C-alpha atoms as a PDB file:
ATOM      1  CA  MET A   1      48.659  81.158  80.811  1.00  0.00           C
ATOM      2  CA  GLU A   2      46.735  84.356  81.309  1.00  0.00           C
ATOM      3  CA  GLY A   3      46.738  83.984  85.086  1.00  0.00           C
ATOM      4  CA  THR A   4      50.502  83.470  85.387  1.00  0.00           C
ATOM      5  CA  GLY A   5      51.319  86.606  83.392  1.00  0.00           C
ATOM      6  CA  GLY A   6      49.042  88.705  85.561  1.00  0.00           C
ATOM      7  CA  SER A   7      50.430  87.377  88.836  1.00  0.00           C
ATOM      8  CA  SER A   8      54.050  87.963  87.821  1.00  0.00           C
ATOM      9  CA  ALA A   9      53.208  91.529  86.838  1.00  0.00           C
ATOM     10  CA  SER A  10      51.470  92.121  90.159  1.00  0.00           C
ATOM     11  CA  ALA A  11      54.419  90.563  92.039  1.00  0.00           C
ATOM     12  CA  ALA A  12      56.872  92.831  90.213  1.00  0.00           C
ATOM     13  CA  ALA A  13      54.797  95.952  90.872  1.00  0.00           C
ATOM     14  CA  PRO A  14      56.004  96.455  94.487  1.00  0.00           C
ATOM     15  CA  VAL A  15      59.616  95.946  93.410  1.00  0.00           C
ATOM     16  CA  ASN A  16      59.238  98.448  90.582  1.00  0.00           C
ATOM     17  CA  GLN A  17      57.536 100.876  92.953  1.00  0.00           C
ATOM     18  CA  TRP A  18      60.369 100.512  95.470  1.00  0.00           C
ATOM     19  CA  LEU A  19      63.018 101.034  92.754  1.00  0.00           C
ATOM     20  CA  LEU A  20      61.197 104.106  91.482  1.00  0.00           C
ATOM     21  CA  GLU A  21      60.946 105.542  95.004  1.00  0.00           C
ATOM     22  CA  PHE A  22      64.629 104.764  95.673  1.00  0.00           C
ATOM     23  CA  SER A  23      65.760 106.430  92.438  1.00  0.00           C
ATOM     24  CA  ARG A  24      63.662 109.523  93.210  1.00  0.00           C
ATOM     25  CA  ARG A  25      65.062 109.798  96.722  1.00  0.00           C
ATOM     26  CA  PHE A  26      68.617 109.243  95.447  1.00  0.00           C
ATOM     27  CA  GLN A  27      68.164 111.950  92.801  1.00  0.00           C
ATOM     28  CA  TYR A  28      66.717 114.283  95.422  1.00  0.00           C
ATOM     29  CA  TYR A  29      69.786 113.967  97.647  1.00  0.00           C
ATOM     30  CA  LEU A  30      72.085 114.165  94.642  1.00  0.00           C
ATOM     31  CA  ASP A  31      70.416 117.436  93.619  1.00  0.00           C
ATOM     32  CA  LYS A  32      70.690 118.798  97.168  1.00  0.00           C
ATOM     33  CA  SER A  33      74.439 118.027  97.201  1.00  0.00           C
ATOM     34  CA  THR A  34      75.140 119.965  93.983  1.00  0.00           C
ATOM     35  CA  PRO A  35      76.077 123.339  95.530  1.00  0.00           C
ATOM     36  CA  HIS A  36      78.198 121.761  98.293  1.00  0.00           C
ATOM     37  CA  SER A  37      81.280 120.803  96.282  1.00  0.00           C
ATOM     38  CA  THR A  38      83.713 120.920  99.215  1.00  0.00           C
ATOM     39  CA  TYR A  39      81.677 118.475 101.277  1.00  0.00           C
ATOM     40  CA  ARG A  40      81.139 116.216  98.269  1.00  0.00           C
ATOM     41  CA  TRP A  41      84.885 116.016  97.638  1.00  0.00           C
ATOM     42  CA  ILE A  42      85.609 115.421 101.333  1.00  0.00           C
ATOM     43  CA  GLY A  43      83.226 112.456 101.183  1.00  0.00           C
ATOM     44  CA  THR A  44      84.949 111.185  98.060  1.00  0.00           C
ATOM     45  CA  VAL A  45      88.362 111.451  99.744  1.00  0.00           C
ATOM     46  CA  VAL A  46      86.993 109.441 102.682  1.00  0.00           C
ATOM     47  CA  ILE A  47      85.701 106.757 100.282  1.00  0.00           C
ATOM     48  CA  ALA A  48      89.052 106.726  98.444  1.00  0.00           C
ATOM     49  CA  SER A  49      90.894 106.363 101.766  1.00  0.00           C
ATOM     50  CA  ILE A  50      88.723 103.417 102.756  1.00  0.00           C
ATOM     51  CA  TYR A  51      89.377 101.816  99.362  1.00  0.00           C
ATOM     52  CA  VAL A  52      93.154 102.325  99.633  1.00  0.00           C
ATOM     53  CA  LEU A  53      93.180 100.924 103.180  1.00  0.00           C
ATOM     54  CA  ARG A  54      91.211  97.876 102.064  1.00  0.00           C
ATOM     55  CA  VAL A  55      93.547  97.165  99.139  1.00  0.00           C
ATOM     56  CA  PHE A  56      96.569  97.706 101.381  1.00  0.00           C
ATOM     57  CA  TYR A  57      95.157  95.515 104.160  1.00  0.00           C
ATOM     58  CA  ILE A  58      94.242  92.531 101.954  1.00  0.00           C
ATOM     59  CA  GLN A  59      97.320  92.925  99.698  1.00  0.00           C
ATOM     60  CA  GLY A  60      95.428  92.254  96.509  1.00  0.00           C
ATOM     61  CA  PHE A  61      93.132  93.554  93.793  1.00  0.00           C
ATOM     62  CA  TYR A  62      95.926  95.516  92.145  1.00  0.00           C
ATOM     63  CA  ILE A  63      94.458  94.989  88.684  1.00  0.00           C
ATOM     64  CA  VAL A  64      91.179  96.528  89.900  1.00  0.00           C
ATOM     65  CA  SER A  65      93.141  99.479  91.276  1.00  0.00           C
ATOM     66  CA  TYR A  66      95.029  99.821  87.997  1.00  0.00           C
ATOM     67  CA  GLY A  67      91.770  99.839  86.008  1.00  0.00           C
ATOM     68  CA  LEU A  68      90.361 102.379  88.451  1.00  0.00           C
ATOM     69  CA  GLY A  69      93.456 104.557  87.995  1.00  0.00           C
ATOM     70  CA  ILE A  70      93.175 104.453  84.208  1.00  0.00           C
ATOM     71  CA  TYR A  71      89.487 105.357  84.374  1.00  0.00           C
ATOM     72  CA  LEU A  72      90.127 108.228  86.807  1.00  0.00           C
ATOM     73  CA  LEU A  73      92.906 109.510  84.545  1.00  0.00           C
ATOM     74  CA  ASN A  74      90.456 109.489  81.647  1.00  0.00           C
ATOM     75  CA  LEU A  75      87.957 111.461  83.751  1.00  0.00           C
ATOM     76  CA  LEU A  76      90.670 113.956  84.707  1.00  0.00           C
ATOM     77  CA  ILE A  77      91.537 114.563  81.058  1.00  0.00           C
ATOM     78  CA  GLY A  78      87.866 115.260  80.306  1.00  0.00           C
ATOM     79  CA  PHE A  79      87.706 117.607  83.277  1.00  0.00           C
ATOM     80  CA  LEU A  80      90.774 119.567  82.159  1.00  0.00           C
ATOM     81  CA  SER A  81      89.811 119.745  78.474  1.00  0.00           C
ATOM     82  CA  PRO A  82      87.676 122.444  76.860  1.00  0.00           C
ATOM     83  CA  LEU A  83      84.286 121.527  75.439  1.00  0.00           C
ATOM     84  CA  VAL A  84      85.359 122.565  71.951  1.00  0.00           C
ATOM     85  CA  ASP A  85      88.935 121.589  71.216  1.00  0.00           C
ATOM     86  CA  PRO A  86      90.415 124.317  68.986  1.00  0.00           C
ATOM     87  CA  GLU A  87      92.927 121.808  67.643  1.00  0.00           C
ATOM     88  CA  LEU A  88      90.291 119.484  66.229  1.00  0.00           C
ATOM     89  CA  GLU A  89      87.440 121.619  64.973  1.00  0.00           C
ATOM     90  CA  PRO A  90      86.843 125.307  64.467  1.00  0.00           C
ATOM     91  CA  SER A  91      83.494 126.212  65.925  1.00  0.00           C
ATOM     92  CA  ASP A  92      80.928 128.956  65.449  1.00  0.00           C
ATOM     93  CA  GLY A  93      80.102 128.780  69.161  1.00  0.00           C
ATOM     94  CA  PRO A  94      82.207 129.904  72.106  1.00  0.00           C
ATOM     95  CA  THR A  95      85.900 129.251  71.612  1.00  0.00           C
ATOM     96  CA  LEU A  96      88.979 129.948  73.662  1.00  0.00           C
ATOM     97  CA  PRO A  97      90.626 133.328  73.077  1.00  0.00           C
ATOM     98  CA  THR A  98      93.969 132.944  71.328  1.00  0.00           C
ATOM     99  CA  LYS A  99      95.150 136.581  71.305  1.00  0.00           C
ATOM    100  CA  GLY A 100      95.226 139.241  73.979  1.00  0.00           C
ATOM    101  CA  SER A 101      92.831 141.366  71.944  1.00  0.00           C
ATOM    102  CA  ASP A 102      90.253 138.573  71.663  1.00  0.00           C
ATOM    103  CA  GLU A 103      87.024 138.887  73.574  1.00  0.00           C
ATOM    104  CA  PHE A 104      86.920 137.011  76.900  1.00  0.00           C
ATOM    105  CA  LYS A 105      85.103 133.725  76.615  1.00  0.00           C
ATOM    106  CA  PRO A 106      84.632 131.546  79.681  1.00  0.00           C
ATOM    107  CA  PHE A 107      86.250 128.151  79.902  1.00  0.00           C
ATOM    108  CA  ILE A 108      83.614 125.473  79.364  1.00  0.00           C
ATOM    109  CA  ARG A 109      84.712 121.992  80.389  1.00  0.00           C
ATOM    110  CA  ARG A 110      84.114 118.872  78.362  1.00  0.00           C
ATOM    111  CA  LEU A 111      83.250 117.141  81.662  1.00  0.00           C
ATOM    112  CA  PRO A 112      81.625 119.454  84.236  1.00  0.00           C
ATOM    113  CA  GLU A 113      82.767 119.307  87.868  1.00  0.00           C
ATOM    114  CA  PHE A 114      79.590 117.641  89.161  1.00  0.00           C
ATOM    115  CA  LYS A 115      79.694 114.870  86.559  1.00  0.00           C
ATOM    116  CA  PHE A 116      83.423 114.476  87.218  1.00  0.00           C
ATOM    117  CA  TRP A 117      82.764 114.081  90.953  1.00  0.00           C
ATOM    118  CA  TYR A 118      79.818 111.737  90.428  1.00  0.00           C
ATOM    119  CA  SER A 119      81.708 109.464  88.011  1.00  0.00           C
ATOM    120  CA  PHE A 120      84.798 109.548  90.249  1.00  0.00           C
ATOM    121  CA  THR A 121      82.810 108.539  93.334  1.00  0.00           C
ATOM    122  CA  LYS A 122      80.764 105.925  91.494  1.00  0.00           C
ATOM    123  CA  ALA A 123      83.959 104.328  90.124  1.00  0.00           C
ATOM    124  CA  LEU A 124      85.453 104.207  93.626  1.00  0.00           C
ATOM    125  CA  CYS A 125      82.321 102.532  94.989  1.00  0.00           C
ATOM    126  CA  ILE A 126      82.259  99.967  92.182  1.00  0.00           C
ATOM    127  CA  ALA A 127      85.960  99.190  92.677  1.00  0.00           C
ATOM    128  CA  PHE A 128      85.368  98.856  96.430  1.00  0.00           C
ATOM    129  CA  VAL A 129      82.549  96.365  95.863  1.00  0.00           C
ATOM    130  CA  MET A 130      84.772  94.429  93.424  1.00  0.00           C
ATOM    131  CA  THR A 131      87.292  93.873  96.233  1.00  0.00           C
ATOM    132  CA  PHE A 132      84.788  91.568  97.921  1.00  0.00           C
ATOM    133  CA  PHE A 133      84.841  89.070  95.021  1.00  0.00           C
ATOM    134  CA  SER A 134      87.933  86.912  94.681  1.00  0.00           C
ATOM    135  CA  VAL A 135      87.420  86.479  90.935  1.00  0.00           C
ATOM    136  CA  PHE A 136      88.769  90.034  90.471  1.00  0.00           C
ATOM    137  CA  ASP A 137      91.904  89.339  92.515  1.00  0.00           C
ATOM    138  CA  VAL A 138      94.204  88.511  89.598  1.00  0.00           C
ATOM    139  CA  PRO A 139      97.768  87.918  90.788  1.00  0.00           C
ATOM    140  CA  VAL A 140     100.053  90.544  89.229  1.00  0.00           C
ATOM    141  CA  PHE A 141     103.365  92.139  90.092  1.00  0.00           C
ATOM    142  CA  TRP A 142     102.037  95.476  91.306  1.00  0.00           C
ATOM    143  CA  PRO A 143     105.249  97.566  90.949  1.00  0.00           C
ATOM    144  CA  ILE A 144     105.114  97.073  87.165  1.00  0.00           C
ATOM    145  CA  LEU A 145     101.503  98.295  87.071  1.00  0.00           C
ATOM    146  CA  LEU A 146     102.352 101.254  89.274  1.00  0.00           C
ATOM    147  CA  CYS A 147     105.341 102.250  87.118  1.00  0.00           C
ATOM    148  CA  TYR A 148     103.308 101.897  83.944  1.00  0.00           C
ATOM    149  CA  TRP A 149     100.489 104.013  85.386  1.00  0.00           C
ATOM    150  CA  VAL A 150     102.903 106.728  86.567  1.00  0.00           C
ATOM    151  CA  VAL A 151     104.537 106.876  83.102  1.00  0.00           C
ATOM    152  CA  LEU A 152     101.100 107.037  81.479  1.00  0.00           C
ATOM    153  CA  PHE A 153     100.037 109.787  83.881  1.00  0.00           C
ATOM    154  CA  VAL A 154     103.176 111.868  83.288  1.00  0.00           C
ATOM    155  CA  LEU A 155     102.965 111.576  79.497  1.00  0.00           C
ATOM    156  CA  THR A 156      99.262 112.361  79.438  1.00  0.00           C
ATOM    157  CA  MET A 157      99.608 115.349  81.751  1.00  0.00           C
ATOM    158  CA  ARG A 158     102.571 116.665  79.772  1.00  0.00           C
ATOM    159  CA  ARG A 159     100.487 116.541  76.600  1.00  0.00           C
ATOM    160  CA  GLN A 160      97.529 118.186  78.366  1.00  0.00           C
ATOM    161  CA  ILE A 161      99.681 120.967  79.829  1.00  0.00           C
ATOM    162  CA  ALA A 162     101.274 121.584  76.415  1.00  0.00           C
ATOM    163  CA  HIS A 163      97.747 121.903  74.979  1.00  0.00           C
ATOM    164  CA  MET A 164      96.808 124.349  77.745  1.00  0.00           C
ATOM    165  CA  VAL A 165      99.916 126.462  77.065  1.00  0.00           C
ATOM    166  CA  LYS A 166      99.428 126.392  73.292  1.00  0.00           C
ATOM    167  CA  TYR A 167      95.826 127.603  73.471  1.00  0.00           C
ATOM    168  CA  ARG A 168      96.314 129.760  76.587  1.00  0.00           C
ATOM    169  CA  TYR A 169      93.627 128.498  78.899  1.00  0.00           C
ATOM    170  CA  ILE A 170      93.525 127.629  82.582  1.00  0.00           C
ATOM    171  CA  PRO A 171      90.842 125.101  83.496  1.00  0.00           C
ATOM    172  CA  PHE A 172      90.600 126.332  87.080  1.00  0.00           C
ATOM    173  CA  ASN A 173      88.903 129.323  88.595  1.00  0.00           C
ATOM    174  CA  LEU A 174      91.610 131.179  90.477  1.00  0.00           C
ATOM    175  CA  GLY A 175      89.269 133.657  92.112  1.00  0.00           C
ATOM    176  CA  LYS A 176      88.064 137.014  90.944  1.00  0.00           C
ATOM    177  CA  GLN A 177      90.146 138.392  88.101  1.00  0.00           C
ATOM    178  CA  LYS A 178      91.739 141.792  88.645  1.00  0.00           C
ATOM    179  CA  TYR A 179      92.077 143.891  85.566  1.00  0.00           C
ATOM    180  CA  GLY A 180      94.467 146.830  85.468  1.00  0.00           C
ATOM    181  CA  GLY A 181      92.712 148.524  82.590  1.00  0.00           C
ATOM    182  CA  LYS A 182      94.188 151.640  81.006  1.00  0.00           C
ATOM    183  CA  ARG A 183      96.161 153.838  83.335  1.00  0.00           C
ATOM    184  CA  SER A 184      95.971 157.556  82.896  1.00  0.00           C
ATOM    185  CA  SER A 185      99.050 159.770  82.783  1.00  0.00           C
ATOM    186  CA  ALA A 186      97.890 161.375  86.052  1.00  0.00           C
ATOM    187  CA  GLY A 187      98.039 157.925  87.694  1.00  0.00           C
ATOM    188  CA  SER A 188     101.686 157.551  86.796  1.00  0.00           C
ATOM    189  CA  SER A 189     102.682 160.819  88.489  1.00  0.00           C
ATOM    190  CA  GLY A 190     101.668 159.507  91.873  1.00  0.00           C
ATOM    191  CA  THR A 191      98.229 161.128  92.248  1.00  0.00           C
ATOM    192  CA  ARG A 192      95.223 158.961  91.820  1.00  0.00           C
ATOM    193  CA  ALA A 193      91.679 160.022  91.091  1.00  0.00           C
ATOM    194  CA  ASP A 194      89.170 157.876  92.975  1.00  0.00           C
END
């Protein structure tokens, strides 16, 4: 008994070592890709295109695509939502400004961009792998799923946009903000002091 436990542990040691080395290398490249958001998203669009072409070519796996769409919609809602929802809980921490006289507080996402990208890409890869197993190819009438997903998307986005308008926040960085500040009476007469 004692000999078999020791040999299985020694046989698993190289596998564990390889998995540890793989996870370290994967994390290294993941960390190096963090500042390159444009290239990351280009890669994700390429993966999404390959997935769409595969589903279109084999004319199946619509239920997998529907599940992927629902998951990606859920990720999008997390990406567009503030960390602290002013509708649900008042917080002592940073909150969104509700009046023009309120102090500027930056928009903090519930789901940061990197985690959004990583989950988005991982979901696409998992769905792509699922298209190689016929057990996931459930026969469905795809136009019904597409219509249902579009209705769900429109209703969800309408609710999210109404929330954004109500609490006056924009979840995107639109470049450097330009502030007019107070204008002096001399500025209104056409002369400007630099």
